[in-house]
C-alpha atoms as a PDB file:
ATOM      1  CA  MET A   1     -44.081  16.232  21.375  1.00  0.00           C
ATOM      2  CA  ALA A   2     -46.433  13.852  23.092  1.00  0.00           C
ATOM      3  CA  ASN A   3     -43.890  13.049  25.797  1.00  0.00           C
ATOM      4  CA  ILE A   4     -43.452  16.671  26.571  1.00  0.00           C
ATOM      5  CA  PHE A   5     -47.343  16.978  26.825  1.00  0.00           C
ATOM      6  CA  VAL A   6     -47.278  14.016  29.293  1.00  0.00           C
ATOM      7  CA  HIS A   7     -44.510  15.569  31.343  1.00  0.00           C
ATOM      8  CA  GLU A   8     -46.405  18.831  31.675  1.00  0.00           C
ATOM      9  CA  VAL A   9     -49.714  17.002  32.684  1.00  0.00           C
ATOM     10  CA  ILE A  10     -47.682  15.227  35.383  1.00  0.00           C
ATOM     11  CA  LYS A  11     -46.525  18.533  36.947  1.00  0.00           C
ATOM     12  CA  ILE A  12     -50.059  19.827  36.683  1.00  0.00           C
ATOM     13  CA  TYR A  13     -51.158  16.765  38.535  1.00  0.00           C
ATOM     14  CA  PHE A  14     -48.935  17.519  41.395  1.00  0.00           C
ATOM     15  CA  LYS A  15     -49.843  21.168  41.506  1.00  0.00           C
ATOM     16  CA  LEU A  16     -53.570  20.278  41.535  1.00  0.00           C
ATOM     17  CA  ASN A  17     -53.003  18.172  44.642  1.00  0.00           C
ATOM     18  CA  ASN A  18     -51.090  21.018  46.406  1.00  0.00           C
ATOM     19  CA  SER A  19     -47.912  18.885  46.349  1.00  0.00           C
ATOM     20  CA  TRP A  20     -44.439  19.845  45.540  1.00  0.00           C
ATOM     21  CA  VAL A  21     -43.266  18.726  41.984  1.00  0.00           C
ATOM     22  CA  PRO A  22     -40.459  16.313  42.285  1.00  0.00           C
ATOM     23  CA  ARG A  23     -37.372  16.349  40.108  1.00  0.00           C
ATOM     24  CA  ASP A  24     -37.701  14.867  36.699  1.00  0.00           C
ATOM     25  CA  LYS A  25     -35.963  11.751  37.479  1.00  0.00           C
ATOM     26  CA  LYS A  26     -38.142  10.994  40.400  1.00  0.00           C
ATOM     27  CA  LEU A  27     -41.580  11.771  38.774  1.00  0.00           C
ATOM     28  CA  LEU A  28     -42.621   8.337  37.791  1.00  0.00           C
ATOM     29  CA  LYS A  29     -41.481   6.802  41.010  1.00  0.00           C
ATOM     30  CA  ILE A  30     -43.564   9.222  43.046  1.00  0.00           C
ATOM     31  CA  ILE A  31     -46.531   8.778  40.704  1.00  0.00           C
ATOM     32  CA  PHE A  32     -46.262   5.016  41.132  1.00  0.00           C
ATOM     33  CA  GLU A  33     -46.469   5.405  45.034  1.00  0.00           C
ATOM     34  CA  VAL A  34     -49.289   7.954  44.868  1.00  0.00           C
ATOM     35  CA  ASP A  35     -51.592   6.960  41.954  1.00  0.00           C
ATOM     36  CA  ILE A  36     -51.206   3.656  40.251  1.00  0.00           C
ATOM     37  CA  ILE A  37     -53.880   4.394  37.578  1.00  0.00           C
ATOM     38  CA  LEU A  38     -52.004   7.400  36.399  1.00  0.00           C
ATOM     39  CA  TYR A  39     -48.646   5.628  36.413  1.00  0.00           C
ATOM     40  CA  GLU A  40     -50.122   2.877  34.285  1.00  0.00           C
ATOM     41  CA  LEU A  41     -51.423   5.450  31.745  1.00  0.00           C
ATOM     42  CA  ILE A  42     -48.165   7.270  31.640  1.00  0.00           C
ATOM     43  CA  LYS A  43     -46.285   3.942  31.182  1.00  0.00           C
ATOM     44  CA  ALA A  44     -48.540   3.066  28.347  1.00  0.00           C
ATOM     45  CA  SER A  45     -47.936   6.382  26.595  1.00  0.00           C
ATOM     46  CA  LEU A  46     -44.243   6.062  26.976  1.00  0.00           C
ATOM     47  CA  LYS A  47     -44.269   2.532  25.583  1.00  0.00           C
ATOM     48  CA  GLU A  48     -46.583   3.064  22.586  1.00  0.00           C
ATOM     49  CA  GLN A  49     -45.144   3.595  19.071  1.00  0.00           C
ATOM     50  CA  ASP A  50     -48.310   4.162  17.024  1.00  0.00           C
ATOM     51  CA  LEU A  51     -48.905   7.900  17.005  1.00  0.00           C
ATOM     52  CA  ASN A  52     -52.737   7.580  16.962  1.00  0.00           C
ATOM     53  CA  GLN A  53     -52.776   5.328  19.799  1.00  0.00           C
ATOM     54  CA  LYS A  54     -50.301   7.618  21.750  1.00  0.00           C
ATOM     55  CA  ILE A  55     -52.630  10.517  21.203  1.00  0.00           C
ATOM     56  CA  LYS A  56     -55.533   8.568  22.578  1.00  0.00           C
ATOM     57  CA  ILE A  57     -53.490   7.686  25.647  1.00  0.00           C
ATOM     58  CA  CYS A  58     -52.478  11.227  26.077  1.00  0.00           C
ATOM     59  CA  HIS A  59     -56.157  12.276  25.841  1.00  0.00           C
ATOM     60  CA  ASP A  60     -57.071   9.654  28.525  1.00  0.00           C
ATOM     61  CA  ILE A  61     -54.212  11.065  30.846  1.00  0.00           C
ATOM     62  CA  LEU A  62     -55.495  14.610  30.481  1.00  0.00           C
ATOM     63  CA  VAL A  63     -59.126  13.462  31.109  1.00  0.00           C
ATOM     64  CA  TYR A  64     -58.038  11.632  34.216  1.00  0.00           C
ATOM     65  CA  VAL A  65     -56.112  14.553  35.670  1.00  0.00           C
ATOM     66  CA  LEU A  66     -58.863  17.102  34.769  1.00  0.00           C
ATOM     67  CA  ARG A  67     -61.481  14.701  36.401  1.00  0.00           C
ATOM     68  CA  LEU A  68     -59.458  14.903  39.623  1.00  0.00           C
ATOM     69  CA  MET A  69     -59.469  18.641  39.387  1.00  0.00           C
ATOM     70  CA  VAL A  70     -63.166  18.687  39.007  1.00  0.00           C
ATOM     71  CA  GLU A  71     -63.669  16.321  41.941  1.00  0.00           C
ATOM     72  CA  ASN A  72     -61.511  18.646  44.105  1.00  0.00           C
ATOM     73  CA  LEU A  73     -63.657  21.726  43.024  1.00  0.00           C
ATOM     74  CA  THR A  74     -66.901  19.992  43.767  1.00  0.00           C
ATOM     75  CA  HIS A  75     -65.755  19.017  47.248  1.00  0.00           C
ATOM     76  CA  GLY A  76     -65.372  22.762  48.055  1.00  0.00           C
ATOM     77  CA  ILE A  77     -61.460  22.976  47.674  1.00  0.00           C
ATOM     78  CA  SER A  78     -60.689  26.312  45.948  1.00  0.00           C
ATOM     79  CA  ARG A  79     -57.340  26.758  44.401  1.00  0.00           C
ATOM     80  CA  SER A  80     -55.701  28.912  41.861  1.00  0.00           C
ATOM     81  CA  PHE A  81     -54.697  26.894  38.769  1.00  0.00           C
ATOM     82  CA  ARG A  82     -51.696  27.676  36.603  1.00  0.00           C
ATOM     83  CA  PHE A  83     -51.229  25.721  33.499  1.00  0.00           C
ATOM     84  CA  ASN A  84     -47.787  25.816  31.740  1.00  0.00           C
ATOM     85  CA  ILE A  85     -48.625  23.609  28.814  1.00  0.00           C
ATOM     86  CA  ILE A  86     -46.496  24.238  25.744  1.00  0.00           C
END
């Protein structure tokens, strides 16, 4: 379930940046090229086996992406946001 959450947050990341959402098999490659911090967080969440630690990393990923959204909003960029989180 946590991996599904991470996948949806990645798609939201692309939507927030007004970018096309790549196919699933290219998501991590594109994230690596665009945002190394987010890539490292995602990589850590995929490697983590301990559920509590995985939840903490998922929280960190969400906070990171939402912080980007707030920064975009404070810089006067208005967008319509559509969240498809399961």
